[in-house]
C-alpha atoms as a PDB file:
ATOM      1  CA  MET A   1       4.561  25.523   7.250  1.00  0.00           C
ATOM      2  CA  THR A   2       3.193  24.737   3.769  1.00  0.00           C
ATOM      3  CA  SER A   3       0.483  22.075   3.712  1.00  0.00           C
ATOM      4  CA  PRO A   4       1.524  18.869   1.915  1.00  0.00           C
ATOM      5  CA  SER A   5      -0.005  18.156  -1.483  1.00  0.00           C
ATOM      6  CA  VAL A   6       0.307  14.407  -0.913  1.00  0.00           C
ATOM      7  CA  ASP A   7       0.227  12.347   2.270  1.00  0.00           C
ATOM      8  CA  VAL A   8       2.098   9.037   2.067  1.00  0.00           C
ATOM      9  CA  VAL A   9       0.852   6.306   4.406  1.00  0.00           C
ATOM     10  CA  LEU A  10       3.632   3.954   5.521  1.00  0.00           C
ATOM     11  CA  PRO A  11       2.339   1.019   7.635  1.00  0.00           C
ATOM     12  CA  CYS A  12       5.223  -0.093   9.856  1.00  0.00           C
ATOM     13  CA  LEU A  13       6.073  -3.012  12.094  1.00  0.00           C
ATOM     14  CA  ASN A  14       9.720  -2.996  13.167  1.00  0.00           C
ATOM     15  CA  GLU A  15      11.136  -1.121  10.166  1.00  0.00           C
ATOM     16  CA  GLU A  16      13.903   0.857  11.905  1.00  0.00           C
ATOM     17  CA  GLY A  17      16.504  -0.445   9.445  1.00  0.00           C
ATOM     18  CA  ALA A  18      14.674   0.698   6.310  1.00  0.00           C
ATOM     19  CA  LEU A  19      12.958   3.899   7.430  1.00  0.00           C
ATOM     20  CA  PRO A  20      15.885   6.344   7.075  1.00  0.00           C
ATOM     21  CA  TRP A  21      16.343   5.315   3.429  1.00  0.00           C
ATOM     22  CA  VAL A  22      12.603   5.423   2.721  1.00  0.00           C
ATOM     23  CA  LEU A  23      11.913   8.777   4.385  1.00  0.00           C
ATOM     24  CA  SER A  24      14.910  10.452   2.740  1.00  0.00           C
ATOM     25  CA  ARG A  25      13.473   9.722  -0.708  1.00  0.00           C
ATOM     26  CA  LEU A  26      10.078  11.357  -0.403  1.00  0.00           C
ATOM     27  CA  PRO A  27       9.525  13.970  -3.144  1.00  0.00           C
ATOM     28  CA  GLU A  28       9.063  17.613  -2.188  1.00  0.00           C
ATOM     29  CA  GLY A  29       5.514  18.351  -1.040  1.00  0.00           C
ATOM     30  CA  TYR A  30       4.954  14.754   0.085  1.00  0.00           C
ATOM     31  CA  ARG A  31       4.453  14.143   3.827  1.00  0.00           C
ATOM     32  CA  ALA A  32       5.155  10.783   5.447  1.00  0.00           C
ATOM     33  CA  ILE A  33       2.555   9.335   7.814  1.00  0.00           C
ATOM     34  CA  VAL A  34       4.272   6.466   9.601  1.00  0.00           C
ATOM     35  CA  VAL A  35       1.742   4.174  11.262  1.00  0.00           C
ATOM     36  CA  ASP A  36       3.418   2.209  14.031  1.00  0.00           C
ATOM     37  CA  ASN A  37       1.542  -1.083  14.233  1.00  0.00           C
ATOM     38  CA  GLY A  38       3.087  -2.424  17.440  1.00  0.00           C
ATOM     39  CA  SER A  39       6.815  -2.102  16.773  1.00  0.00           C
ATOM     40  CA  THR A  40       9.257  -3.185  19.460  1.00  0.00           C
ATOM     41  CA  ASP A  41      12.221  -1.370  17.913  1.00  0.00           C
ATOM     42  CA  ARG A  42      12.901   2.352  17.295  1.00  0.00           C
ATOM     43  CA  THR A  43      10.544   2.662  14.325  1.00  0.00           C
ATOM     44  CA  ALA A  44       8.464   5.487  15.852  1.00  0.00           C
ATOM     45  CA  ALA A  45      11.479   7.390  17.194  1.00  0.00           C
ATOM     46  CA  ILE A  46      13.321   7.230  13.879  1.00  0.00           C
ATOM     47  CA  ALA A  47      10.199   8.379  12.023  1.00  0.00           C
ATOM     48  CA  ARG A  48       9.893  11.434  14.274  1.00  0.00           C
ATOM     49  CA  GLU A  49      13.602  12.195  13.899  1.00  0.00           C
ATOM     50  CA  HIS A  50      13.079  12.334  10.135  1.00  0.00           C
ATOM     51  CA  GLY A  51      10.074  14.650  10.384  1.00  0.00           C
ATOM     52  CA  ALA A  52       7.303  12.141   9.761  1.00  0.00           C
ATOM     53  CA  LEU A  53       3.877  12.302  11.368  1.00  0.00           C
ATOM     54  CA  VAL A  54       3.656   9.215  13.594  1.00  0.00           C
ATOM     55  CA  VAL A  55       0.326   7.498  14.210  1.00  0.00           C
ATOM     56  CA  THR A  56       0.050   4.652  16.700  1.00  0.00           C
ATOM     57  CA  GLU A  57      -2.308   1.823  15.755  1.00  0.00           C
ATOM     58  CA  PRO A  58      -2.288  -0.963  18.376  1.00  0.00           C
ATOM     59  CA  ARG A  59      -4.695  -3.234  16.473  1.00  0.00           C
ATOM     60  CA  ARG A  60      -2.485  -5.559  14.440  1.00  0.00           C
ATOM     61  CA  GLY A  61      -3.129  -5.990  10.752  1.00  0.00           C
ATOM     62  CA  PHE A  62      -2.078  -4.302   7.533  1.00  0.00           C
ATOM     63  CA  GLY A  63      -5.584  -2.937   7.019  1.00  0.00           C
ATOM     64  CA  SER A  64      -5.693  -1.487  10.523  1.00  0.00           C
ATOM     65  CA  ALA A  65      -2.428   0.370   9.969  1.00  0.00           C
ATOM     66  CA  ALA A  66      -3.235   1.522   6.437  1.00  0.00           C
ATOM     67  CA  HIS A  67      -6.686   2.808   7.395  1.00  0.00           C
ATOM     68  CA  ALA A  68      -5.372   4.603  10.476  1.00  0.00           C
ATOM     69  CA  GLY A  69      -2.990   6.436   8.162  1.00  0.00           C
ATOM     70  CA  LEU A  70      -5.802   7.335   5.783  1.00  0.00           C
ATOM     71  CA  LEU A  71      -7.871   8.747   8.648  1.00  0.00           C
ATOM     72  CA  ALA A  72      -4.898  10.856   9.770  1.00  0.00           C
ATOM     73  CA  ALA A  73      -4.254  12.218   6.280  1.00  0.00           C
ATOM     74  CA  GLU A  74      -5.184  15.785   5.367  1.00  0.00           C
ATOM     75  CA  ALA A  75      -3.693  16.264   1.897  1.00  0.00           C
ATOM     76  CA  PRO A  76      -5.999  16.075  -1.141  1.00  0.00           C
ATOM     77  CA  ILE A  77      -4.166  13.007  -2.464  1.00  0.00           C
ATOM     78  CA  VAL A  78      -3.144   9.998  -0.387  1.00  0.00           C
ATOM     79  CA  ALA A  79      -0.542   7.464  -1.469  1.00  0.00           C
ATOM     80  CA  PHE A  80       0.353   4.154   0.151  1.00  0.00           C
ATOM     81  CA  CYS A  81       3.803   2.596   0.137  1.00  0.00           C
ATOM     82  CA  ASP A  82       5.627  -0.186   1.950  1.00  0.00           C
ATOM     83  CA  ALA A  83       8.240   1.025   4.430  1.00  0.00           C
ATOM     84  CA  ASP A  84      10.729  -1.819   3.944  1.00  0.00           C
ATOM     85  CA  ALA A  85      12.739  -0.183   1.107  1.00  0.00           C
ATOM     86  CA  SER A  86      11.408  -2.636  -1.490  1.00  0.00           C
ATOM     87  CA  MET A  87       9.743   0.370  -3.146  1.00  0.00           C
ATOM     88  CA  ASN A  88      11.321   3.753  -3.739  1.00  0.00           C
ATOM     89  CA  PRO A  89       9.147   6.690  -2.651  1.00  0.00           C
ATOM     90  CA  ALA A  90      10.865   8.744  -5.344  1.00  0.00           C
ATOM     91  CA  ASP A  91       8.681   6.785  -7.805  1.00  0.00           C
ATOM     92  CA  LEU A  92       5.433   7.987  -6.211  1.00  0.00           C
ATOM     93  CA  PRO A  93       4.862  10.828  -8.714  1.00  0.00           C
ATOM     94  CA  LEU A  94       4.386   8.136 -11.374  1.00  0.00           C
ATOM     95  CA  LEU A  95       1.212   7.193  -9.510  1.00  0.00           C
ATOM     96  CA  VAL A  96       0.210  10.548  -8.062  1.00  0.00           C
ATOM     97  CA  ASP A  97       0.468  12.722 -11.173  1.00  0.00           C
ATOM     98  CA  PRO A  98      -2.226  10.857 -13.186  1.00  0.00           C
ATOM     99  CA  VAL A  99      -4.617  11.282 -10.234  1.00  0.00           C
ATOM    100  CA  ARG A 100      -3.708  14.934  -9.776  1.00  0.00           C
ATOM    101  CA  ASN A 101      -4.189  15.600 -13.497  1.00  0.00           C
ATOM    102  CA  GLY A 102      -7.615  13.954 -13.553  1.00  0.00           C
ATOM    103  CA  GLU A 103      -6.514  11.131 -15.859  1.00  0.00           C
ATOM    104  CA  THR A 104      -7.505   8.373 -13.430  1.00  0.00           C
ATOM    105  CA  ASP A 105      -9.075   7.834 -10.011  1.00  0.00           C
ATOM    106  CA  LEU A 106      -6.826   5.105  -8.600  1.00  0.00           C
ATOM    107  CA  THR A 107      -3.295   4.306  -9.715  1.00  0.00           C
ATOM    108  CA  LEU A 108      -1.686   1.007  -8.762  1.00  0.00           C
ATOM    109  CA  GLY A 109       2.035   0.297  -8.915  1.00  0.00           C
ATOM    110  CA  ARG A 110       2.661  -2.869 -10.934  1.00  0.00           C
ATOM    111  CA  ARG A 111       5.782  -4.351  -9.398  1.00  0.00           C
ATOM    112  CA  ARG A 112       8.726  -5.033 -11.689  1.00  0.00           C
ATOM    113  CA  THR A 113      11.493  -6.874  -9.855  1.00  0.00           C
ATOM    114  CA  THR A 114      15.035  -5.537  -9.951  1.00  0.00           C
ATOM    115  CA  THR A 115      16.500  -8.907  -8.889  1.00  0.00           C
ATOM    116  CA  ARG A 116      15.199 -12.444  -8.596  1.00  0.00           C
ATOM    117  CA  ARG A 117      15.422 -12.215  -4.789  1.00  0.00           C
ATOM    118  CA  ALA A 118      12.957  -9.325  -4.587  1.00  0.00           C
ATOM    119  CA  TRP A 119       9.795 -11.377  -4.893  1.00  0.00           C
ATOM    120  CA  PRO A 120       9.634 -14.916  -3.424  1.00  0.00           C
ATOM    121  CA  VAL A 121       8.213 -17.524  -5.796  1.00  0.00           C
ATOM    122  CA  HIS A 122       5.262 -18.391  -3.544  1.00  0.00           C
ATOM    123  CA  ALA A 123       4.255 -14.738  -3.203  1.00  0.00           C
ATOM    124  CA  ARG A 124       4.606 -14.102  -6.942  1.00  0.00           C
ATOM    125  CA  PHE A 125       2.438 -17.141  -7.740  1.00  0.00           C
ATOM    126  CA  ALA A 126      -0.218 -16.060  -5.248  1.00  0.00           C
ATOM    127  CA  ASN A 127      -0.316 -12.577  -6.770  1.00  0.00           C
ATOM    128  CA  VAL A 128      -0.719 -13.951 -10.303  1.00  0.00           C
ATOM    129  CA  ALA A 129      -3.552 -16.235  -9.179  1.00  0.00           C
ATOM    130  CA  LEU A 130      -5.405 -13.507  -7.281  1.00  0.00           C
ATOM    131  CA  SER A 131      -5.004 -11.028 -10.133  1.00  0.00           C
ATOM    132  CA  TYR A 132      -6.452 -13.598 -12.533  1.00  0.00           C
ATOM    133  CA  LEU A 133      -9.432 -14.156 -10.237  1.00  0.00           C
ATOM    134  CA  MET A 134      -9.986 -10.407 -10.000  1.00  0.00           C
ATOM    135  CA  ARG A 135     -10.125 -10.116 -13.770  1.00  0.00           C
ATOM    136  CA  ARG A 136     -12.379 -13.156 -14.086  1.00  0.00           C
ATOM    137  CA  ILE A 137     -14.751 -12.677 -11.139  1.00  0.00           C
ATOM    138  CA  ALA A 138     -14.749  -8.941 -10.475  1.00  0.00           C
ATOM    139  CA  LYS A 139     -13.965  -7.873 -14.077  1.00  0.00           C
ATOM    140  CA  VAL A 140     -11.168  -5.599 -12.826  1.00  0.00           C
ATOM    141  CA  ARG A 141      -8.300  -5.611 -15.304  1.00  0.00           C
ATOM    142  CA  VAL A 142      -5.233  -5.468 -13.080  1.00  0.00           C
ATOM    143  CA  HIS A 143      -2.118  -7.611 -12.980  1.00  0.00           C
ATOM    144  CA  ASP A 144      -0.752  -6.836  -9.521  1.00  0.00           C
ATOM    145  CA  LEU A 145      -2.200  -6.154  -6.077  1.00  0.00           C
ATOM    146  CA  GLY A 146       0.887  -4.272  -4.990  1.00  0.00           C
ATOM    147  CA  PRO A 147       0.652  -1.906  -2.022  1.00  0.00           C
ATOM    148  CA  MET A 148       1.988   1.209  -3.792  1.00  0.00           C
ATOM    149  CA  ARG A 149      -1.060   3.192  -4.913  1.00  0.00           C
ATOM    150  CA  ALA A 150      -2.582   6.672  -4.961  1.00  0.00           C
ATOM    151  CA  ALA A 151      -6.050   8.247  -5.000  1.00  0.00           C
ATOM    152  CA  ARG A 152      -7.909  11.308  -3.720  1.00  0.00           C
ATOM    153  CA  ARG A 153      -8.422  11.292   0.037  1.00  0.00           C
ATOM    154  CA  THR A 154     -12.143  12.155   0.008  1.00  0.00           C
ATOM    155  CA  ASP A 155     -12.822   9.434  -2.568  1.00  0.00           C
ATOM    156  CA  LEU A 156     -10.949   6.832  -0.514  1.00  0.00           C
ATOM    157  CA  LEU A 157     -12.877   7.739   2.628  1.00  0.00           C
ATOM    158  CA  ALA A 158     -16.160   7.437   0.720  1.00  0.00           C
ATOM    159  CA  LEU A 159     -15.337   3.792  -0.104  1.00  0.00           C
ATOM    160  CA  ASP A 160     -15.908   2.988   3.600  1.00  0.00           C
ATOM    161  CA  LEU A 161     -13.324   0.196   3.658  1.00  0.00           C
ATOM    162  CA  LEU A 162     -13.919  -2.397   6.370  1.00  0.00           C
ATOM    163  CA  ASP A 163     -11.165  -5.031   6.088  1.00  0.00           C
ATOM    164  CA  ARG A 164      -8.432  -4.575   8.675  1.00  0.00           C
ATOM    165  CA  ARG A 165      -6.205  -7.464   7.673  1.00  0.00           C
ATOM    166  CA  SER A 166      -4.415  -8.493   4.482  1.00  0.00           C
ATOM    167  CA  GLY A 167      -7.524  -8.015   2.360  1.00  0.00           C
ATOM    168  CA  TYR A 168      -7.452  -4.213   2.639  1.00  0.00           C
ATOM    169  CA  PRO A 169      -5.604  -3.568  -0.660  1.00  0.00           C
ATOM    170  CA  LEU A 170      -7.970  -5.870  -2.542  1.00  0.00           C
ATOM    171  CA  GLU A 171     -11.082  -4.423  -0.930  1.00  0.00           C
ATOM    172  CA  MET A 172      -9.953  -0.953  -2.022  1.00  0.00           C
ATOM    173  CA  VAL A 173      -9.727  -2.053  -5.652  1.00  0.00           C
ATOM    174  CA  LEU A 174     -13.000  -3.990  -5.580  1.00  0.00           C
ATOM    175  CA  ARG A 175     -14.967  -1.131  -4.037  1.00  0.00           C
ATOM    176  CA  ALA A 176     -13.362   1.384  -6.356  1.00  0.00           C
ATOM    177  CA  ALA A 177     -14.344  -0.711  -9.370  1.00  0.00           C
ATOM    178  CA  ASP A 178     -17.883  -1.099  -8.046  1.00  0.00           C
ATOM    179  CA  ALA A 179     -18.080   2.696  -7.675  1.00  0.00           C
ATOM    180  CA  GLY A 180     -17.097   3.148 -11.316  1.00  0.00           C
ATOM    181  CA  TRP A 181     -13.586   4.473 -10.698  1.00  0.00           C
ATOM    182  CA  ARG A 182     -11.010   4.593 -13.474  1.00  0.00           C
ATOM    183  CA  ILE A 183      -8.239   2.241 -12.315  1.00  0.00           C
ATOM    184  CA  THR A 184      -4.844   2.194 -14.012  1.00  0.00           C
ATOM    185  CA  GLU A 185      -1.486   0.515 -13.455  1.00  0.00           C
ATOM    186  CA  VAL A 186       2.032   1.878 -13.901  1.00  0.00           C
ATOM    187  CA  ASP A 187       5.271  -0.089 -13.716  1.00  0.00           C
ATOM    188  CA  THR A 188       7.326   0.504 -10.572  1.00  0.00           C
ATOM    189  CA  PRO A 189      10.687  -1.072  -9.581  1.00  0.00           C
ATOM    190  CA  TYR A 190      10.549  -3.665  -6.802  1.00  0.00           C
ATOM    191  CA  ALA A 191      13.740  -4.489  -4.890  1.00  0.00           C
ATOM    192  CA  PRO A 192      14.658  -6.874  -2.045  1.00  0.00           C
ATOM    193  CA  ARG A 193      13.349  -5.541   1.241  1.00  0.00           C
ATOM    194  CA  ILE A 194      15.438  -4.580   4.254  1.00  0.00           C
ATOM    195  CA  GLY A 195      14.712  -6.771   7.279  1.00  0.00           C
ATOM    196  CA  ARG A 196      12.329  -9.685   7.773  1.00  0.00           C
ATOM    197  CA  SER A 197       9.029  -9.783   5.911  1.00  0.00           C
ATOM    198  CA  LYS A 198       5.837 -10.141   7.958  1.00  0.00           C
ATOM    199  CA  VAL A 199       3.451 -11.065   5.148  1.00  0.00           C
ATOM    200  CA  THR A 200       4.302 -12.146   1.593  1.00  0.00           C
ATOM    201  CA  GLY A 201       7.937 -12.884   2.394  1.00  0.00           C
ATOM    202  CA  THR A 202       6.811 -15.878   4.437  1.00  0.00           C
ATOM    203  CA  VAL A 203       4.722 -18.851   3.347  1.00  0.00           C
ATOM    204  CA  ARG A 204       2.460 -18.471   6.389  1.00  0.00           C
ATOM    205  CA  GLY A 205       1.929 -14.778   5.710  1.00  0.00           C
ATOM    206  CA  THR A 206       1.123 -15.484   2.080  1.00  0.00           C
ATOM    207  CA  ILE A 207      -1.447 -18.109   3.078  1.00  0.00           C
ATOM    208  CA  VAL A 208      -3.129 -15.649   5.454  1.00  0.00           C
ATOM    209  CA  ALA A 209      -3.217 -13.005   2.722  1.00  0.00           C
ATOM    210  CA  ILE A 210      -4.715 -15.452   0.206  1.00  0.00           C
ATOM    211  CA  ARG A 211      -7.363 -16.482   2.738  1.00  0.00           C
ATOM    212  CA  ASP A 212      -8.359 -12.875   3.439  1.00  0.00           C
ATOM    213  CA  MET A 213      -8.499 -11.941  -0.245  1.00  0.00           C
ATOM    214  CA  SER A 214     -10.319 -15.120  -1.277  1.00  0.00           C
ATOM    215  CA  ARG A 215     -13.056 -14.275   1.205  1.00  0.00           C
ATOM    216  CA  LEU A 216     -13.537 -10.867  -0.405  1.00  0.00           C
ATOM    217  CA  LEU A 217     -13.649 -12.364  -3.888  1.00  0.00           C
ATOM    218  CA  ALA A 218     -16.191 -14.949  -2.736  1.00  0.00           C
ATOM    219  CA  GLU A 219     -18.464 -12.115  -1.617  1.00  0.00           C
ATOM    220  CA  VAL A 220     -18.250 -10.580  -5.097  1.00  0.00           C
ATOM    221  CA  ARG A 221     -19.240 -13.895  -6.637  1.00  0.00           C
ATOM    222  CA  ARG A 222     -22.488 -14.113  -4.633  1.00  0.00           C
END
């Protein structure tokens, strides 16, 4: 079997409804690493049926699942993507190709909503506020902390990321900036998710995410 050129980490918690659509849209040469973060549905079984590598991570938290996927990856480039069908894996080359071609070190997908329902108002406001603080405090010029992103595996491992909760995506950007990485954004479509959101789709989840990320930004300020 040919080794994948890109491993795609898909943190999952009860995503059986969305996974078939997501996994069927991976580009050729991209391998799915589905990280089951305590699902009570058929998430893991469906992932295996569709040929994905399944990693079990019992410690709850987005960072725990995302990092477990990174540790399991073997391809030279690792991408991250939500598994709820809000993002289309077919768009991943938009992020991967600039990294592969040496044009950048970390590509972030800047979410562009396809409908008003795709991004709840409270989550959109929180993202705008956190992005502003990143530009002001950490001097990182980004406009979205979206989860779709791509970078070289060895470089990501060298960042030694520690957050295992909602702050993981932010910590990745902050550490990358501190290491002198070239960070770029590309527009990516963002659609309504399939199923119930566990984080930004709920007010409580958004508050937890803001708390985790604010703590990381406070450490930068010191």
